[in-house]
Amino acid sequence: MTSPPPPADPGLTVDGTGLLCVTLLLRLRDQIADAPPGTVVHVIATDPAAPLDLPAWCHMTGHTYLGPVPGERPVYALRLTADARATRPDAPWHPLRRQQEQPRSG
């Protein structure tokens, strides 16, 4: 049984052409920050590691990796989830620690 292809019409497209993994994920993280849960995001990624890095990042954060989008360009789809785990603004492979998520008021 094969899975259906990712949706052809994204709610958001992130162009990571020419970016390496960390920079791509930083751009992705920044551009999805205000997008609502359920948004389908297409990521254009020319980094040869993207087919491994994007599903791993989705697994770590809790977003749903939908897979490659058929076509001429290297595009990968994901769906944003409401309960995704935040990552550090400077390091997309590191989750935020509790004290970073909510500053203490005093």
C-alpha atoms as a PDB file:
ATOM      1  CA  MET A   1       0.000   0.000   0.000  1.00  0.00           C
ATOM      2  CA  THR A   2       1.432   3.384  -0.967  1.00  0.00           C
ATOM      3  CA  SER A   3       0.788   6.657   0.810  1.00  0.00           C
ATOM      4  CA  PRO A   4      -0.904   9.503  -1.042  1.00  0.00           C
ATOM      5  CA  PRO A   5       1.294  12.287  -2.412  1.00  0.00           C
ATOM      6  CA  PRO A   6       1.624  15.465  -0.334  1.00  0.00           C
ATOM      7  CA  PRO A   7      -0.894  18.221  -1.068  1.00  0.00           C
ATOM      8  CA  ALA A   8      -0.006  20.123  -4.229  1.00  0.00           C
ATOM      9  CA  ASP A   9      -1.244  23.468  -2.906  1.00  0.00           C
ATOM     10  CA  PRO A  10       0.672  24.656   0.145  1.00  0.00           C
ATOM     11  CA  GLY A  11      -0.514  27.291   2.568  1.00  0.00           C
ATOM     12  CA  LEU A  12       3.078  28.509   2.790  1.00  0.00           C
ATOM     13  CA  THR A  13       6.238  28.006   0.732  1.00  0.00           C
ATOM     14  CA  VAL A  14       9.720  28.400   2.203  1.00  0.00           C
ATOM     15  CA  ASP A  15      12.478  28.848  -0.373  1.00  0.00           C
ATOM     16  CA  GLY A  16      15.681  27.325   0.926  1.00  0.00           C
ATOM     17  CA  THR A  17      17.444  27.174  -2.439  1.00  0.00           C
ATOM     18  CA  GLY A  18      21.199  27.121  -1.900  1.00  0.00           C
ATOM     19  CA  LEU A  19      20.950  26.918   1.910  1.00  0.00           C
ATOM     20  CA  LEU A  20      22.623  24.241   3.987  1.00  0.00           C
ATOM     21  CA  CYS A  21      20.703  22.376   6.675  1.00  0.00           C
ATOM     22  CA  VAL A  22      21.050  24.662   9.693  1.00  0.00           C
ATOM     23  CA  THR A  23      20.369  27.850   7.720  1.00  0.00           C
ATOM     24  CA  LEU A  24      17.438  26.169   5.968  1.00  0.00           C
ATOM     25  CA  LEU A  25      15.921  25.119   9.292  1.00  0.00           C
ATOM     26  CA  LEU A  26      16.458  28.581  10.768  1.00  0.00           C
ATOM     27  CA  ARG A  27      14.594  30.110   7.810  1.00  0.00           C
ATOM     28  CA  LEU A  28      11.865  27.475   8.057  1.00  0.00           C
ATOM     29  CA  ARG A  29      11.490  28.013  11.808  1.00  0.00           C
ATOM     30  CA  ASP A  30      11.227  31.779  11.330  1.00  0.00           C
ATOM     31  CA  GLN A  31       8.713  31.634   8.481  1.00  0.00           C
ATOM     32  CA  ILE A  32       6.335  29.166  10.160  1.00  0.00           C
ATOM     33  CA  ALA A  33       6.340  31.008  13.517  1.00  0.00           C
ATOM     34  CA  ASP A  34       2.984  32.724  12.919  1.00  0.00           C
ATOM     35  CA  ALA A  35       1.366  30.097  10.693  1.00  0.00           C
ATOM     36  CA  PRO A  36      -1.658  28.311  12.155  1.00  0.00           C
ATOM     37  CA  PRO A  37      -1.695  24.582  12.950  1.00  0.00           C
ATOM     38  CA  GLY A  38      -2.734  22.480   9.982  1.00  0.00           C
ATOM     39  CA  THR A  39      -0.895  24.693   7.490  1.00  0.00           C
ATOM     40  CA  VAL A  40       0.796  22.681   4.760  1.00  0.00           C
ATOM     41  CA  VAL A  41       4.292  24.010   4.138  1.00  0.00           C
ATOM     42  CA  HIS A  42       6.333  23.298   1.029  1.00  0.00           C
ATOM     43  CA  VAL A  43      10.077  23.632   1.548  1.00  0.00           C
ATOM     44  CA  ILE A  44      12.262  24.122  -1.512  1.00  0.00           C
ATOM     45  CA  ALA A  45      15.579  22.585  -0.492  1.00  0.00           C
ATOM     46  CA  THR A  46      18.623  21.933  -2.648  1.00  0.00           C
ATOM     47  CA  ASP A  47      20.831  20.694   0.213  1.00  0.00           C
ATOM     48  CA  PRO A  48      21.485  16.975  -0.443  1.00  0.00           C
ATOM     49  CA  ALA A  49      20.859  16.288   3.270  1.00  0.00           C
ATOM     50  CA  ALA A  50      17.338  17.784   3.206  1.00  0.00           C
ATOM     51  CA  PRO A  51      15.575  14.439   2.542  1.00  0.00           C
ATOM     52  CA  LEU A  52      17.043  13.220   5.846  1.00  0.00           C
ATOM     53  CA  ASP A  53      17.121  16.445   7.860  1.00  0.00           C
ATOM     54  CA  LEU A  54      13.544  17.608   7.257  1.00  0.00           C
ATOM     55  CA  PRO A  55      11.853  14.381   8.448  1.00  0.00           C
ATOM     56  CA  ALA A  56      14.223  14.230  11.441  1.00  0.00           C
ATOM     57  CA  TRP A  57      13.453  17.859  12.366  1.00  0.00           C
ATOM     58  CA  CYS A  58       9.716  17.203  12.017  1.00  0.00           C
ATOM     59  CA  HIS A  59      10.029  14.142  14.254  1.00  0.00           C
ATOM     60  CA  MET A  60      11.925  16.175  16.857  1.00  0.00           C
ATOM     61  CA  THR A  61       9.497  19.112  16.823  1.00  0.00           C
ATOM     62  CA  GLY A  62       6.266  17.165  16.356  1.00  0.00           C
ATOM     63  CA  HIS A  63       5.297  18.573  12.955  1.00  0.00           C
ATOM     64  CA  THR A  64       4.114  16.021  10.389  1.00  0.00           C
ATOM     65  CA  TYR A  65       6.500  15.274   7.529  1.00  0.00           C
ATOM     66  CA  LEU A  66       4.467  14.565   4.381  1.00  0.00           C
ATOM     67  CA  GLY A  67       7.323  13.723   2.021  1.00  0.00           C
ATOM     68  CA  PRO A  68       8.688  14.895  -1.309  1.00  0.00           C
ATOM     69  CA  VAL A  69       6.380  16.769  -3.657  1.00  0.00           C
ATOM     70  CA  PRO A  70       6.477  15.434  -7.225  1.00  0.00           C
ATOM     71  CA  GLY A  71       7.855  17.905  -9.729  1.00  0.00           C
ATOM     72  CA  GLU A  72      11.019  19.282 -11.236  1.00  0.00           C
ATOM     73  CA  ARG A  73      12.314  21.111  -8.155  1.00  0.00           C
ATOM     74  CA  PRO A  74      13.363  19.470  -4.876  1.00  0.00           C
ATOM     75  CA  VAL A  75      10.338  20.302  -2.698  1.00  0.00           C
ATOM     76  CA  TYR A  76       9.304  18.636   0.558  1.00  0.00           C
ATOM     77  CA  ALA A  77       5.998  19.017   2.389  1.00  0.00           C
ATOM     78  CA  LEU A  78       5.117  19.148   6.058  1.00  0.00           C
ATOM     79  CA  ARG A  79       2.002  19.954   8.076  1.00  0.00           C
ATOM     80  CA  LEU A  80       2.244  22.178  11.146  1.00  0.00           C
ATOM     81  CA  THR A  81       0.838  20.838  14.389  1.00  0.00           C
ATOM     82  CA  ALA A  82      -0.652  22.700  17.330  1.00  0.00           C
ATOM     83  CA  ASP A  83       1.487  20.987  19.946  1.00  0.00           C
ATOM     84  CA  ALA A  84       4.880  21.284  18.224  1.00  0.00           C
ATOM     85  CA  ARG A  85       7.950  21.573  20.417  1.00  0.00           C
ATOM     86  CA  ALA A  86       9.797  24.875  20.038  1.00  0.00           C
ATOM     87  CA  THR A  87      13.476  25.031  19.157  1.00  0.00           C
ATOM     88  CA  ARG A  88      16.109  27.599  20.005  1.00  0.00           C
ATOM     89  CA  PRO A  89      16.109  30.632  17.678  1.00  0.00           C
ATOM     90  CA  ASP A  90      19.839  30.183  17.021  1.00  0.00           C
ATOM     91  CA  ALA A  91      19.936  26.375  16.948  1.00  0.00           C
ATOM     92  CA  PRO A  92      17.043  24.561  15.238  1.00  0.00           C
ATOM     93  CA  TRP A  93      18.284  21.143  16.404  1.00  0.00           C
ATOM     94  CA  HIS A  94      18.014  22.102  20.090  1.00  0.00           C
ATOM     95  CA  PRO A  95      14.681  22.320  21.902  1.00  0.00           C
ATOM     96  CA  LEU A  96      13.978  25.295  24.115  1.00  0.00           C
ATOM     97  CA  ARG A  97      14.492  24.645  27.794  1.00  0.00           C
ATOM     98  CA  ARG A  98      11.628  25.432  30.149  1.00  0.00           C
ATOM     99  CA  GLN A  99      13.221  28.656  31.432  1.00  0.00           C
ATOM    100  CA  GLN A 100      13.668  29.851  27.835  1.00  0.00           C
ATOM    101  CA  GLU A 101      10.000  29.263  26.968  1.00  0.00           C
ATOM    102  CA  GLN A 102       8.464  31.457  29.664  1.00  0.00           C
ATOM    103  CA  PRO A 103      10.535  34.115  31.391  1.00  0.00           C
ATOM    104  CA  ARG A 104       9.964  34.414  35.090  1.00  0.00           C
ATOM    105  CA  SER A 105       8.183  37.486  36.297  1.00  0.00           C
ATOM    106  CA  GLY A 106       9.345  38.901  39.512  1.00  0.00           C
END
